[in-house]
Amino acid sequence: MKKAFPIVGLLTAILLIYALYMALIGAPTERTMGDVQRIFYYHVPSALIGFELFFINFGASVLYLIKRNPVADIVALVTAEVGVVFLTVNLVTGPIWARPVWGIWWTWDMRLTSTLVL
């Protein structure tokens, strides 16, 4: 496992650089929103992964409460920490997109507010 970590890390870095290139340069410009739509390549996937991680966190937490399984506790801890990172990316990129498109940084919509509280 120790030998595979640098290889996987390098491969991940290469793929992230390629994804950044494709999002910022390779993708065509959207007709009505222009270049600001490119933020969706980070905004939407981070929302999906963040909510998926908190769904896994819920399942692992319930499993830990029922069976007192220490592995479930570790899974719950890890998914909560990484889920916070992904939803933070989501909550930062959303207003960056919304300001030029809607003319407002934040609206106190129930979905946005509950994600912020989460």
PDB file of N, CA and C in Angstrom:
ATOM      1  N   MET A   1       0.816  -1.199   0.000  1.00  0.00           N
ATOM      2  CA  MET A   1       0.000   0.000   0.000  1.00  0.00           C
ATOM      3  C   MET A   1       0.859   1.263   0.000  1.00  0.00           C
ATOM      4  N   LYS A   2       1.973   1.233   0.735  1.00  0.00           N
ATOM      5  CA  LYS A   2       2.840   2.405   0.778  1.00  0.00           C
ATOM      6  C   LYS A   2       3.457   2.707  -0.576  1.00  0.00           C
ATOM      7  N   LYS A   3       3.705   1.680  -1.377  1.00  0.00           N
ATOM      8  CA  LYS A   3       4.298   1.877  -2.692  1.00  0.00           C
ATOM      9  C   LYS A   3       3.287   2.439  -3.685  1.00  0.00           C
ATOM     10  N   ALA A   4       2.025   2.116  -3.486  1.00  0.00           N
ATOM     11  CA  ALA A   4       0.995   2.557  -4.417  1.00  0.00           C
ATOM     12  C   ALA A   4       0.587   4.011  -4.177  1.00  0.00           C
ATOM     13  N   PHE A   5       0.782   4.533  -2.978  1.00  0.00           N
ATOM     14  CA  PHE A   5       0.318   5.883  -2.654  1.00  0.00           C
ATOM     15  C   PHE A   5       0.924   6.968  -3.549  1.00  0.00           C
ATOM     16  N   PRO A   6       2.236   6.996  -3.769  1.00  0.00           N
ATOM     17  CA  PRO A   6       2.777   8.044  -4.662  1.00  0.00           C
ATOM     18  C   PRO A   6       2.254   7.933  -6.088  1.00  0.00           C
ATOM     19  N   ILE A   7       2.068   6.726  -6.560  1.00  0.00           N
ATOM     20  CA  ILE A   7       1.565   6.525  -7.928  1.00  0.00           C
ATOM     21  C   ILE A   7       0.134   7.020  -8.032  1.00  0.00           C
ATOM     22  N   VAL A   8      -0.698   6.638  -7.072  1.00  0.00           N
ATOM     23  CA  VAL A   8      -2.096   7.073  -7.080  1.00  0.00           C
ATOM     24  C   VAL A   8      -2.179   8.587  -6.878  1.00  0.00           C
ATOM     25  N   GLY A   9      -1.326   9.132  -6.019  1.00  0.00           N
ATOM     26  CA  GLY A   9      -1.306  10.581  -5.811  1.00  0.00           C
ATOM     27  C   GLY A   9      -0.926  11.336  -7.067  1.00  0.00           C
ATOM     28  N   LEU A  10       0.081  10.852  -7.785  1.00  0.00           N
ATOM     29  CA  LEU A  10       0.493  11.482  -9.038  1.00  0.00           C
ATOM     30  C   LEU A  10      -0.604  11.384 -10.090  1.00  0.00           C
ATOM     31  N   LEU A  11      -1.216  10.223 -10.208  1.00  0.00           N
ATOM     32  CA  LEU A  11      -2.310  10.040 -11.155  1.00  0.00           C
ATOM     33  C   LEU A  11      -3.473  10.967 -10.823  1.00  0.00           C
ATOM     34  N   THR A  12      -3.782  11.112  -9.545  1.00  0.00           N
ATOM     35  CA  THR A  12      -4.857  12.018  -9.127  1.00  0.00           C
ATOM     36  C   THR A  12      -4.517  13.457  -9.488  1.00  0.00           C
ATOM     37  N   ALA A  13      -3.286  13.875  -9.242  1.00  0.00           N
ATOM     38  CA  ALA A  13      -2.875  15.242  -9.585  1.00  0.00           C
ATOM     39  C   ALA A  13      -2.970  15.493 -11.086  1.00  0.00           C
ATOM     40  N   ILE A  14      -2.547  14.530 -11.885  1.00  0.00           N
ATOM     41  CA  ILE A  14      -2.630  14.671 -13.343  1.00  0.00           C
ATOM     42  C   ILE A  14      -4.077  14.798 -13.796  1.00  0.00           C
ATOM     43  N   LEU A  15      -4.945  13.945 -13.250  1.00  0.00           N
ATOM     44  CA  LEU A  15      -6.356  13.993 -13.629  1.00  0.00           C
ATOM     45  C   LEU A  15      -7.029  15.287 -13.172  1.00  0.00           C
ATOM     46  N   LEU A  16      -6.656  15.806 -11.997  1.00  0.00           N
ATOM     47  CA  LEU A  16      -7.218  17.070 -11.531  1.00  0.00           C
ATOM     48  C   LEU A  16      -6.776  18.237 -12.415  1.00  0.00           C
ATOM     49  N   ILE A  17      -5.538  18.225 -12.838  1.00  0.00           N
ATOM     50  CA  ILE A  17      -5.055  19.277 -13.739  1.00  0.00           C
ATOM     51  C   ILE A  17      -5.780  19.194 -15.081  1.00  0.00           C
ATOM     52  N   TYR A  18      -5.977  17.985 -15.581  1.00  0.00           N
ATOM     53  CA  TYR A  18      -6.702  17.805 -16.837  1.00  0.00           C
ATOM     54  C   TYR A  18      -8.155  18.272 -16.701  1.00  0.00           C
ATOM     55  N   ALA A  19      -8.790  17.943 -15.580  1.00  0.00           N
ATOM     56  CA  ALA A  19     -10.178  18.360 -15.351  1.00  0.00           C
ATOM     57  C   ALA A  19     -10.283  19.883 -15.266  1.00  0.00           C
ATOM     58  N   LEU A  20      -9.312  20.509 -14.606  1.00  0.00           N
ATOM     59  CA  LEU A  20      -9.308  21.968 -14.524  1.00  0.00           C
ATOM     60  C   LEU A  20      -9.143  22.586 -15.908  1.00  0.00           C
ATOM     61  N   TYR A  21      -8.252  22.029 -16.709  1.00  0.00           N
ATOM     62  CA  TYR A  21      -8.058  22.511 -18.077  1.00  0.00           C
ATOM     63  C   TYR A  21      -9.348  22.374 -18.889  1.00  0.00           C
ATOM     64  N   MET A  22      -9.986  21.210 -18.802  1.00  0.00           N
ATOM     65  CA  MET A  22     -11.215  20.984 -19.579  1.00  0.00           C
ATOM     66  C   MET A  22     -12.348  21.902 -19.116  1.00  0.00           C
ATOM     67  N   ALA A  23     -12.438  22.170 -17.816  1.00  0.00           N
ATOM     68  CA  ALA A  23     -13.501  23.032 -17.305  1.00  0.00           C
ATOM     69  C   ALA A  23     -13.285  24.491 -17.695  1.00  0.00           C
ATOM     70  N   LEU A  24     -12.043  24.946 -17.638  1.00  0.00           N
ATOM     71  CA  LEU A  24     -11.792  26.361 -17.876  1.00  0.00           C
ATOM     72  C   LEU A  24     -11.496  26.713 -19.324  1.00  0.00           C
ATOM     73  N   ILE A  25     -10.923  25.774 -20.083  1.00  0.00           N
ATOM     74  CA  ILE A  25     -10.514  26.093 -21.448  1.00  0.00           C
ATOM     75  C   ILE A  25     -11.183  25.191 -22.482  1.00  0.00           C
ATOM     76  N   GLY A  26     -11.233  23.896 -22.202  1.00  0.00           N
ATOM     77  CA  GLY A  26     -11.698  22.939 -23.193  1.00  0.00           C
ATOM     78  C   GLY A  26     -13.186  22.964 -23.470  1.00  0.00           C
ATOM     79  N   ALA A  27     -13.993  23.258 -22.460  1.00  0.00           N
ATOM     80  CA  ALA A  27     -15.450  23.252 -22.641  1.00  0.00           C
ATOM     81  C   ALA A  27     -15.880  24.495 -23.421  1.00  0.00           C
ATOM     82  N   PRO A  28     -16.883  24.351 -24.275  1.00  0.00           N
ATOM     83  CA  PRO A  28     -17.355  25.511 -25.025  1.00  0.00           C
ATOM     84  C   PRO A  28     -18.073  26.504 -24.104  1.00  0.00           C
ATOM     85  N   THR A  29     -18.066  27.760 -24.497  1.00  0.00           N
ATOM     86  CA  THR A  29     -18.738  28.802 -23.717  1.00  0.00           C
ATOM     87  C   THR A  29     -20.238  28.716 -23.931  1.00  0.00           C
ATOM     88  N   GLU A  30     -20.986  28.767 -22.843  1.00  0.00           N
ATOM     89  CA  GLU A  30     -22.447  28.704 -22.916  1.00  0.00           C
ATOM     90  C   GLU A  30     -22.978  30.009 -23.494  1.00  0.00           C
ATOM     91  N   ARG A  31     -24.049  29.938 -24.261  1.00  0.00           N
ATOM     92  CA  ARG A  31     -24.525  31.077 -25.027  1.00  0.00           C
ATOM     93  C   ARG A  31     -25.105  32.196 -24.159  1.00  0.00           C
ATOM     94  N   THR A  32     -25.929  31.873 -23.160  1.00  0.00           N
ATOM     95  CA  THR A  32     -26.597  32.925 -22.393  1.00  0.00           C
ATOM     96  C   THR A  32     -25.816  33.375 -21.160  1.00  0.00           C
ATOM     97  N   MET A  33     -25.150  32.457 -20.471  1.00  0.00           N
ATOM     98  CA  MET A  33     -24.426  32.812 -19.249  1.00  0.00           C
ATOM     99  C   MET A  33     -22.969  33.180 -19.509  1.00  0.00           C
ATOM    100  N   GLY A  34     -22.432  32.735 -20.600  1.00  0.00           N
ATOM    101  CA  GLY A  34     -21.035  33.022 -20.904  1.00  0.00           C
ATOM    102  C   GLY A  34     -20.092  32.143 -20.102  1.00  0.00           C
ATOM    103  N   ASP A  35     -18.975  32.706 -19.714  1.00  0.00           N
ATOM    104  CA  ASP A  35     -17.948  31.937 -19.017  1.00  0.00           C
ATOM    105  C   ASP A  35     -18.325  31.572 -17.584  1.00  0.00           C
ATOM    106  N   VAL A  36     -19.275  32.274 -16.996  1.00  0.00           N
ATOM    107  CA  VAL A  36     -19.619  32.012 -15.601  1.00  0.00           C
ATOM    108  C   VAL A  36     -20.225  30.615 -15.417  1.00  0.00           C
ATOM    109  N   GLN A  37     -20.740  30.024 -16.465  1.00  0.00           N
ATOM    110  CA  GLN A  37     -21.313  28.677 -16.342  1.00  0.00           C
ATOM    111  C   GLN A  37     -20.257  27.625 -16.067  1.00  0.00           C
ATOM    112  N   ARG A  38     -19.020  27.925 -16.322  1.00  0.00           N
ATOM    113  CA  ARG A  38     -17.945  26.946 -16.106  1.00  0.00           C
ATOM    114  C   ARG A  38     -17.818  26.544 -14.644  1.00  0.00           C
ATOM    115  N   ILE A  39     -18.304  27.367 -13.745  1.00  0.00           N
ATOM    116  CA  ILE A  39     -18.238  27.044 -12.325  1.00  0.00           C
ATOM    117  C   ILE A  39     -19.116  25.841 -11.996  1.00  0.00           C
ATOM    118  N   PHE A  40     -20.084  25.554 -12.844  1.00  0.00           N
ATOM    119  CA  PHE A  40     -20.948  24.382 -12.614  1.00  0.00           C
ATOM    120  C   PHE A  40     -20.157  23.081 -12.630  1.00  0.00           C
ATOM    121  N   TYR A  41     -19.029  23.059 -13.314  1.00  0.00           N
ATOM    122  CA  TYR A  41     -18.221  21.842 -13.355  1.00  0.00           C
ATOM    123  C   TYR A  41     -17.640  21.499 -11.989  1.00  0.00           C
ATOM    124  N   TYR A  42     -17.646  22.445 -11.065  1.00  0.00           N
ATOM    125  CA  TYR A  42     -17.218  22.194  -9.687  1.00  0.00           C
ATOM    126  C   TYR A  42     -18.391  22.261  -8.719  1.00  0.00           C
ATOM    127  N   HIS A  43     -19.328  23.157  -8.973  1.00  0.00           N
ATOM    128  CA  HIS A  43     -20.446  23.379  -8.066  1.00  0.00           C
ATOM    129  C   HIS A  43     -21.364  22.156  -7.950  1.00  0.00           C
ATOM    130  N   VAL A  44     -21.822  21.647  -9.052  1.00  0.00           N
ATOM    131  CA  VAL A  44     -22.778  20.535  -9.035  1.00  0.00           C
ATOM    132  C   VAL A  44     -22.145  19.234  -8.523  1.00  0.00           C
ATOM    133  N   PRO A  45     -20.985  18.816  -9.015  1.00  0.00           N
ATOM    134  CA  PRO A  45     -20.400  17.584  -8.472  1.00  0.00           C
ATOM    135  C   PRO A  45     -20.072  17.681  -6.981  1.00  0.00           C
ATOM    136  N   SER A  46     -19.631  18.850  -6.520  1.00  0.00           N
ATOM    137  CA  SER A  46     -19.335  18.958  -5.092  1.00  0.00           C
ATOM    138  C   SER A  46     -20.602  18.852  -4.262  1.00  0.00           C
ATOM    139  N   ALA A  47     -21.719  19.352  -4.766  1.00  0.00           N
ATOM    140  CA  ALA A  47     -22.995  19.199  -4.055  1.00  0.00           C
ATOM    141  C   ALA A  47     -23.413  17.738  -4.002  1.00  0.00           C
ATOM    142  N   LEU A  48     -23.321  17.057  -5.131  1.00  0.00           N
ATOM    143  CA  LEU A  48     -23.724  15.649  -5.172  1.00  0.00           C
ATOM    144  C   LEU A  48     -22.866  14.790  -4.248  1.00  0.00           C
ATOM    145  N   ILE A  49     -21.562  14.974  -4.302  1.00  0.00           N
ATOM    146  CA  ILE A  49     -20.667  14.190  -3.452  1.00  0.00           C
ATOM    147  C   ILE A  49     -20.865  14.549  -1.978  1.00  0.00           C
ATOM    148  N   GLY A  50     -21.036  15.836  -1.683  1.00  0.00           N
ATOM    149  CA  GLY A  50     -21.243  16.255  -0.301  1.00  0.00           C
ATOM    150  C   GLY A  50     -22.490  15.637   0.307  1.00  0.00           C
ATOM    151  N   PHE A  51     -23.590  15.679  -0.408  1.00  0.00           N
ATOM    152  CA  PHE A  51     -24.812  15.090   0.123  1.00  0.00           C
ATOM    153  C   PHE A  51     -24.729  13.568   0.186  1.00  0.00           C
ATOM    154  N   GLU A  52     -24.055  12.965  -0.772  1.00  0.00           N
ATOM    155  CA  GLU A  52     -23.862  11.515  -0.722  1.00  0.00           C
ATOM    156  C   GLU A  52     -23.033  11.120   0.499  1.00  0.00           C
ATOM    157  N   LEU A  53     -22.005  11.891   0.786  1.00  0.00           N
ATOM    158  CA  LEU A  53     -21.185  11.597   1.958  1.00  0.00           C
ATOM    159  C   LEU A  53     -21.984  11.729   3.253  1.00  0.00           C
ATOM    160  N   PHE A  54     -22.866  12.714   3.336  1.00  0.00           N
ATOM    161  CA  PHE A  54     -23.676  12.837   4.546  1.00  0.00           C
ATOM    162  C   PHE A  54     -24.749  11.763   4.625  1.00  0.00           C
ATOM    163  N   PHE A  55     -25.197  11.249   3.495  1.00  0.00           N
ATOM    164  CA  PHE A  55     -26.108  10.108   3.514  1.00  0.00           C
ATOM    165  C   PHE A  55     -25.385   8.866   4.045  1.00  0.00           C
ATOM    166  N   ILE A  56     -24.141   8.655   3.603  1.00  0.00           N
ATOM    167  CA  ILE A  56     -23.335   7.550   4.123  1.00  0.00           C
ATOM    168  C   ILE A  56     -23.056   7.768   5.606  1.00  0.00           C
ATOM    169  N   ASN A  57     -22.808   9.006   5.997  1.00  0.00           N
ATOM    170  CA  ASN A  57     -22.592   9.334   7.406  1.00  0.00           C
ATOM    171  C   ASN A  57     -23.797   8.962   8.250  1.00  0.00           C
ATOM    172  N   PHE A  58     -24.981   9.242   7.748  1.00  0.00           N
ATOM    173  CA  PHE A  58     -26.199   8.890   8.470  1.00  0.00           C
ATOM    174  C   PHE A  58     -26.302   7.379   8.657  1.00  0.00           C
ATOM    175  N   GLY A  59     -26.067   6.635   7.578  1.00  0.00           N
ATOM    176  CA  GLY A  59     -26.135   5.170   7.675  1.00  0.00           C
ATOM    177  C   GLY A  59     -25.095   4.606   8.628  1.00  0.00           C
ATOM    178  N   ALA A  60     -23.876   5.110   8.561  1.00  0.00           N
ATOM    179  CA  ALA A  60     -22.821   4.624   9.451  1.00  0.00           C
ATOM    180  C   ALA A  60     -23.113   5.005  10.898  1.00  0.00           C
ATOM    181  N   SER A  61     -23.668   6.172  11.114  1.00  0.00           N
ATOM    182  CA  SER A  61     -24.002   6.589  12.479  1.00  0.00           C
ATOM    183  C   SER A  61     -25.101   5.721  13.070  1.00  0.00           C
ATOM    184  N   VAL A  62     -26.114   5.412  12.276  1.00  0.00           N
ATOM    185  CA  VAL A  62     -27.183   4.525  12.750  1.00  0.00           C
ATOM    186  C   VAL A  62     -26.616   3.138  13.038  1.00  0.00           C
ATOM    187  N   LEU A  63     -25.763   2.643  12.166  1.00  0.00           N
ATOM    188  CA  LEU A  63     -25.144   1.335  12.378  1.00  0.00           C
ATOM    189  C   LEU A  63     -24.313   1.326  13.662  1.00  0.00           C
ATOM    190  N   TYR A  64     -23.597   2.404  13.908  1.00  0.00           N
ATOM    191  CA  TYR A  64     -22.800   2.480  15.133  1.00  0.00           C
ATOM    192  C   TYR A  64     -23.694   2.499  16.370  1.00  0.00           C
ATOM    193  N   LEU A  65     -24.788   3.220  16.305  1.00  0.00           N
ATOM    194  CA  LEU A  65     -25.686   3.285  17.462  1.00  0.00           C
ATOM    195  C   LEU A  65     -26.362   1.935  17.744  1.00  0.00           C
ATOM    196  N   ILE A  66     -26.605   1.172  16.686  1.00  0.00           N
ATOM    197  CA  ILE A  66     -27.261  -0.126  16.872  1.00  0.00           C
ATOM    198  C   ILE A  66     -26.269  -1.191  17.314  1.00  0.00           C
ATOM    199  N   LYS A  67     -25.119  -1.298  16.634  1.00  0.00           N
ATOM    200  CA  LYS A  67     -24.188  -2.410  16.878  1.00  0.00           C
ATOM    201  C   LYS A  67     -22.906  -2.018  17.609  1.00  0.00           C
ATOM    202  N   ARG A  68     -22.679  -0.727  17.826  1.00  0.00           N
ATOM    203  CA  ARG A  68     -21.437  -0.239  18.455  1.00  0.00           C
ATOM    204  C   ARG A  68     -20.194  -0.727  17.713  1.00  0.00           C
ATOM    205  N   ASN A  69     -20.274  -0.710  16.399  1.00  0.00           N
ATOM    206  CA  ASN A  69     -19.182  -1.142  15.544  1.00  0.00           C
ATOM    207  C   ASN A  69     -18.186   0.014  15.394  1.00  0.00           C
ATOM    208  N   PRO A  70     -16.934  -0.164  15.836  1.00  0.00           N
ATOM    209  CA  PRO A  70     -15.972   0.946  15.738  1.00  0.00           C
ATOM    210  C   PRO A  70     -15.646   1.349  14.294  1.00  0.00           C
ATOM    211  N   VAL A  71     -15.730   0.431  13.368  1.00  0.00           N
ATOM    212  CA  VAL A  71     -15.471   0.773  11.954  1.00  0.00           C
ATOM    213  C   VAL A  71     -16.559   1.722  11.446  1.00  0.00           C
ATOM    214  N   ALA A  72     -17.800   1.489  11.842  1.00  0.00           N
ATOM    215  CA  ALA A  72     -18.883   2.387  11.445  1.00  0.00           C
ATOM    216  C   ALA A  72     -18.672   3.781  12.022  1.00  0.00           C
ATOM    217  N   ASP A  73     -18.120   3.853  13.230  1.00  0.00           N
ATOM    218  CA  ASP A  73     -17.829   5.152  13.839  1.00  0.00           C
ATOM    219  C   ASP A  73     -16.752   5.890  13.058  1.00  0.00           C
ATOM    220  N   ILE A  74     -15.730   5.169  12.615  1.00  0.00           N
ATOM    221  CA  ILE A  74     -14.664   5.785  11.825  1.00  0.00           C
ATOM    222  C   ILE A  74     -15.199   6.255  10.475  1.00  0.00           C
ATOM    223  N   VAL A  75     -16.044   5.431   9.844  1.00  0.00           N
ATOM    224  CA  VAL A  75     -16.652   5.821   8.563  1.00  0.00           C
ATOM    225  C   VAL A  75     -17.501   7.072   8.742  1.00  0.00           C
ATOM    226  N   ALA A  76     -18.259   7.136   9.821  1.00  0.00           N
ATOM    227  CA  ALA A  76     -19.085   8.317  10.079  1.00  0.00           C
ATOM    228  C   ALA A  76     -18.223   9.558  10.268  1.00  0.00           C
ATOM    229  N   LEU A  77     -17.125   9.428  10.982  1.00  0.00           N
ATOM    230  CA  LEU A  77     -16.226  10.560  11.212  1.00  0.00           C
ATOM    231  C   LEU A  77     -15.608  11.050   9.905  1.00  0.00           C
ATOM    232  N   VAL A  78     -15.096  10.127   9.123  1.00  0.00           N
ATOM    233  CA  VAL A  78     -14.413  10.493   7.877  1.00  0.00           C
ATOM    234  C   VAL A  78     -15.385  11.110   6.877  1.00  0.00           C
ATOM    235  N   THR A  79     -16.562  10.520   6.723  1.00  0.00           N
ATOM    236  CA  THR A  79     -17.517  11.062   5.758  1.00  0.00           C
ATOM    237  C   THR A  79     -18.037  12.425   6.193  1.00  0.00           C
ATOM    238  N   ALA A  80     -18.124  12.670   7.493  1.00  0.00           N
ATOM    239  CA  ALA A  80     -18.544  14.000   7.954  1.00  0.00           C
ATOM    240  C   ALA A  80     -17.495  15.050   7.617  1.00  0.00           C
ATOM    241  N   GLU A  81     -16.234  14.735   7.866  1.00  0.00           N
ATOM    242  CA  GLU A  81     -15.172  15.710   7.587  1.00  0.00           C
ATOM    243  C   GLU A  81     -15.057  16.020   6.097  1.00  0.00           C
ATOM    244  N   VAL A  82     -15.056  14.992   5.281  1.00  0.00           N
ATOM    245  CA  VAL A  82     -14.915  15.213   3.837  1.00  0.00           C
ATOM    246  C   VAL A  82     -16.190  15.834   3.267  1.00  0.00           C
ATOM    247  N   GLY A  83     -17.343  15.466   3.809  1.00  0.00           N
ATOM    248  CA  GLY A  83     -18.607  16.060   3.377  1.00  0.00           C
ATOM    249  C   GLY A  83     -18.652  17.556   3.636  1.00  0.00           C
ATOM    250  N   VAL A  84     -18.093  17.990   4.767  1.00  0.00           N
ATOM    251  CA  VAL A  84     -18.032  19.423   5.067  1.00  0.00           C
ATOM    252  C   VAL A  84     -17.171  20.145   4.034  1.00  0.00           C
ATOM    253  N   VAL A  85     -16.085  19.537   3.622  1.00  0.00           N
ATOM    254  CA  VAL A  85     -15.218  20.162   2.616  1.00  0.00           C
ATOM    255  C   VAL A  85     -15.966  20.326   1.291  1.00  0.00           C
ATOM    256  N   PHE A  86     -16.635  19.270   0.849  1.00  0.00           N
ATOM    257  CA  PHE A  86     -17.338  19.343  -0.433  1.00  0.00           C
ATOM    258  C   PHE A  86     -18.508  20.325  -0.390  1.00  0.00           C
ATOM    259  N   LEU A  87     -19.248  20.351   0.721  1.00  0.00           N
ATOM    260  CA  LEU A  87     -20.359  21.296   0.792  1.00  0.00           C
ATOM    261  C   LEU A  87     -19.877  22.732   0.985  1.00  0.00           C
ATOM    262  N   THR A  88     -18.702  22.911   1.559  1.00  0.00           N
ATOM    263  CA  THR A  88     -18.126  24.250   1.625  1.00  0.00           C
ATOM    264  C   THR A  88     -17.778  24.743   0.221  1.00  0.00           C
ATOM    265  N   VAL A  89     -17.199  23.863  -0.586  1.00  0.00           N
ATOM    266  CA  VAL A  89     -16.936  24.221  -1.991  1.00  0.00           C
ATOM    267  C   VAL A  89     -18.242  24.585  -2.684  1.00  0.00           C
ATOM    268  N   ASN A  90     -19.288  23.836  -2.410  1.00  0.00           N
ATOM    269  CA  ASN A  90     -20.591  24.095  -3.003  1.00  0.00           C
ATOM    270  C   ASN A  90     -21.125  25.455  -2.574  1.00  0.00           C
ATOM    271  N   LEU A  91     -21.048  25.759  -1.288  1.00  0.00           N
ATOM    272  CA  LEU A  91     -21.590  27.021  -0.789  1.00  0.00           C
ATOM    273  C   LEU A  91     -20.743  28.230  -1.181  1.00  0.00           C
ATOM    274  N   VAL A  92     -19.497  28.009  -1.545  1.00  0.00           N
ATOM    275  CA  VAL A  92     -18.657  29.114  -2.004  1.00  0.00           C
ATOM    276  C   VAL A  92     -18.863  29.352  -3.500  1.00  0.00           C
ATOM    277  N   THR A  93     -18.939  28.287  -4.279  1.00  0.00           N
ATOM    278  CA  THR A  93     -19.072  28.454  -5.734  1.00  0.00           C
ATOM    279  C   THR A  93     -20.481  28.866  -6.154  1.00  0.00           C
ATOM    280  N   GLY A  94     -21.489  28.515  -5.368  1.00  0.00           N
ATOM    281  CA  GLY A  94     -22.861  28.884  -5.719  1.00  0.00           C
ATOM    282  C   GLY A  94     -23.068  30.385  -5.815  1.00  0.00           C
ATOM    283  N   PRO A  95     -22.728  31.146  -4.767  1.00  0.00           N
ATOM    284  CA  PRO A  95     -22.896  32.597  -4.875  1.00  0.00           C
ATOM    285  C   PRO A  95     -22.004  33.249  -5.933  1.00  0.00           C
ATOM    286  N   ILE A  96     -20.835  32.665  -6.188  1.00  0.00           N
ATOM    287  CA  ILE A  96     -19.975  33.217  -7.243  1.00  0.00           C
ATOM    288  C   ILE A  96     -20.684  33.110  -8.587  1.00  0.00           C
ATOM    289  N   TRP A  97     -21.424  32.021  -8.799  1.00  0.00           N
ATOM    290  CA  TRP A  97     -22.200  31.873 -10.035  1.00  0.00           C
ATOM    291  C   TRP A  97     -23.461  32.728  -9.997  1.00  0.00           C
ATOM    292  N   ALA A  98     -24.137  32.787  -8.848  1.00  0.00           N
ATOM    293  CA  ALA A  98     -25.448  33.433  -8.759  1.00  0.00           C
ATOM    294  C   ALA A  98     -25.372  34.947  -8.941  1.00  0.00           C
ATOM    295  N   ARG A  99     -24.325  35.571  -8.481  1.00  0.00           N
ATOM    296  CA  ARG A  99     -24.236  37.037  -8.557  1.00  0.00           C
ATOM    297  C   ARG A  99     -24.322  37.553  -9.985  1.00  0.00           C
ATOM    298  N   PRO A 100     -23.520  37.054 -10.933  1.00  0.00           N
ATOM    299  CA  PRO A 100     -23.652  37.575 -12.302  1.00  0.00           C
ATOM    300  C   PRO A 100     -24.937  37.137 -12.999  1.00  0.00           C
ATOM    301  N   VAL A 101     -25.465  35.967 -12.636  1.00  0.00           N
ATOM    302  CA  VAL A 101     -26.626  35.435 -13.348  1.00  0.00           C
ATOM    303  C   VAL A 101     -27.932  35.978 -12.780  1.00  0.00           C
ATOM    304  N   TRP A 102     -28.094  35.974 -11.468  1.00  0.00           N
ATOM    305  CA  TRP A 102     -29.343  36.402 -10.826  1.00  0.00           C
ATOM    306  C   TRP A 102     -29.266  37.806 -10.242  1.00  0.00           C
ATOM    307  N   GLY A 103     -28.057  38.343 -10.089  1.00  0.00           N
ATOM    308  CA  GLY A 103     -27.911  39.671  -9.523  1.00  0.00           C
ATOM    309  C   GLY A 103     -27.948  39.699  -8.003  1.00  0.00           C
ATOM    310  N   ILE A 104     -27.831  38.558  -7.360  1.00  0.00           N
ATOM    311  CA  ILE A 104     -27.871  38.485  -5.901  1.00  0.00           C
ATOM    312  C   ILE A 104     -26.887  37.410  -5.446  1.00  0.00           C
ATOM    313  N   TRP A 105     -26.175  37.691  -4.345  1.00  0.00           N
ATOM    314  CA  TRP A 105     -25.196  36.731  -3.843  1.00  0.00           C
ATOM    315  C   TRP A 105     -25.870  35.564  -3.145  1.00  0.00           C
ATOM    316  N   TRP A 106     -26.885  35.837  -2.356  1.00  0.00           N
ATOM    317  CA  TRP A 106     -27.490  34.798  -1.523  1.00  0.00           C
ATOM    318  C   TRP A 106     -28.975  35.072  -1.389  1.00  0.00           C
ATOM    319  N   THR A 107     -29.774  34.023  -1.444  1.00  0.00           N
ATOM    320  CA  THR A 107     -31.191  34.111  -1.141  1.00  0.00           C
ATOM    321  C   THR A 107     -31.469  33.137  -0.002  1.00  0.00           C
ATOM    322  N   TRP A 108     -32.270  33.531   0.936  1.00  0.00           N
ATOM    323  CA  TRP A 108     -32.499  32.711   2.121  1.00  0.00           C
ATOM    324  C   TRP A 108     -33.529  31.629   1.825  1.00  0.00           C
ATOM    325  N   ASP A 109     -33.292  30.902   0.753  1.00  0.00           N
ATOM    326  CA  ASP A 109     -34.107  29.754   0.373  1.00  0.00           C
ATOM    327  C   ASP A 109     -33.893  28.628   1.387  1.00  0.00           C
ATOM    328  N   MET A 110     -34.921  27.802   1.594  1.00  0.00           N
ATOM    329  CA  MET A 110     -34.825  26.741   2.591  1.00  0.00           C
ATOM    330  C   MET A 110     -33.700  25.763   2.264  1.00  0.00           C
ATOM    331  N   ARG A 111     -33.508  25.418   1.000  1.00  0.00           N
ATOM    332  CA  ARG A 111     -32.441  24.480   0.633  1.00  0.00           C
ATOM    333  C   ARG A 111     -31.059  25.054   0.917  1.00  0.00           C
ATOM    334  N   LEU A 112     -30.854  26.308   0.561  1.00  0.00           N
ATOM    335  CA  LEU A 112     -29.561  26.931   0.812  1.00  0.00           C
ATOM    336  C   LEU A 112     -29.291  27.081   2.303  1.00  0.00           C
ATOM    337  N   THR A 113     -30.283  27.526   3.029  1.00  0.00           N
ATOM    338  CA  THR A 113     -30.098  27.748   4.452  1.00  0.00           C
ATOM    339  C   THR A 113     -29.856  26.436   5.198  1.00  0.00           C
ATOM    340  N   SER A 114     -30.599  25.381   4.833  1.00  0.00           N
ATOM    341  CA  SER A 114     -30.398  24.101   5.519  1.00  0.00           C
ATOM    342  C   SER A 114     -29.031  23.504   5.182  1.00  0.00           C
ATOM    343  N   THR A 115     -28.538  23.725   3.975  1.00  0.00           N
ATOM    344  CA  THR A 115     -27.192  23.266   3.630  1.00  0.00           C
ATOM    345  C   THR A 115     -26.153  24.055   4.412  1.00  0.00           C
ATOM    346  N   LEU A 116     -26.358  25.343   4.571  1.00  0.00           N
ATOM    347  CA  LEU A 116     -25.442  26.167   5.363  1.00  0.00           C
ATOM    348  C   LEU A 116     -25.429  25.707   6.822  1.00  0.00           C
ATOM    349  N   VAL A 117     -26.591  25.409   7.380  1.00  0.00           N
ATOM    350  CA  VAL A 117     -26.680  24.964   8.764  1.00  0.00           C
ATOM    351  C   VAL A 117     -26.044  23.583   8.906  1.00  0.00           C
ATOM    352  N   LEU A 118     -26.210  22.745   7.903  1.00  0.00           N
ATOM    353  CA  LEU A 118     -25.619  21.399   7.942  1.00  0.00           C
ATOM    354  C   LEU A 118     -24.120  21.488   8.081  1.00  0.00           C
TER     355      LEU A 118
END
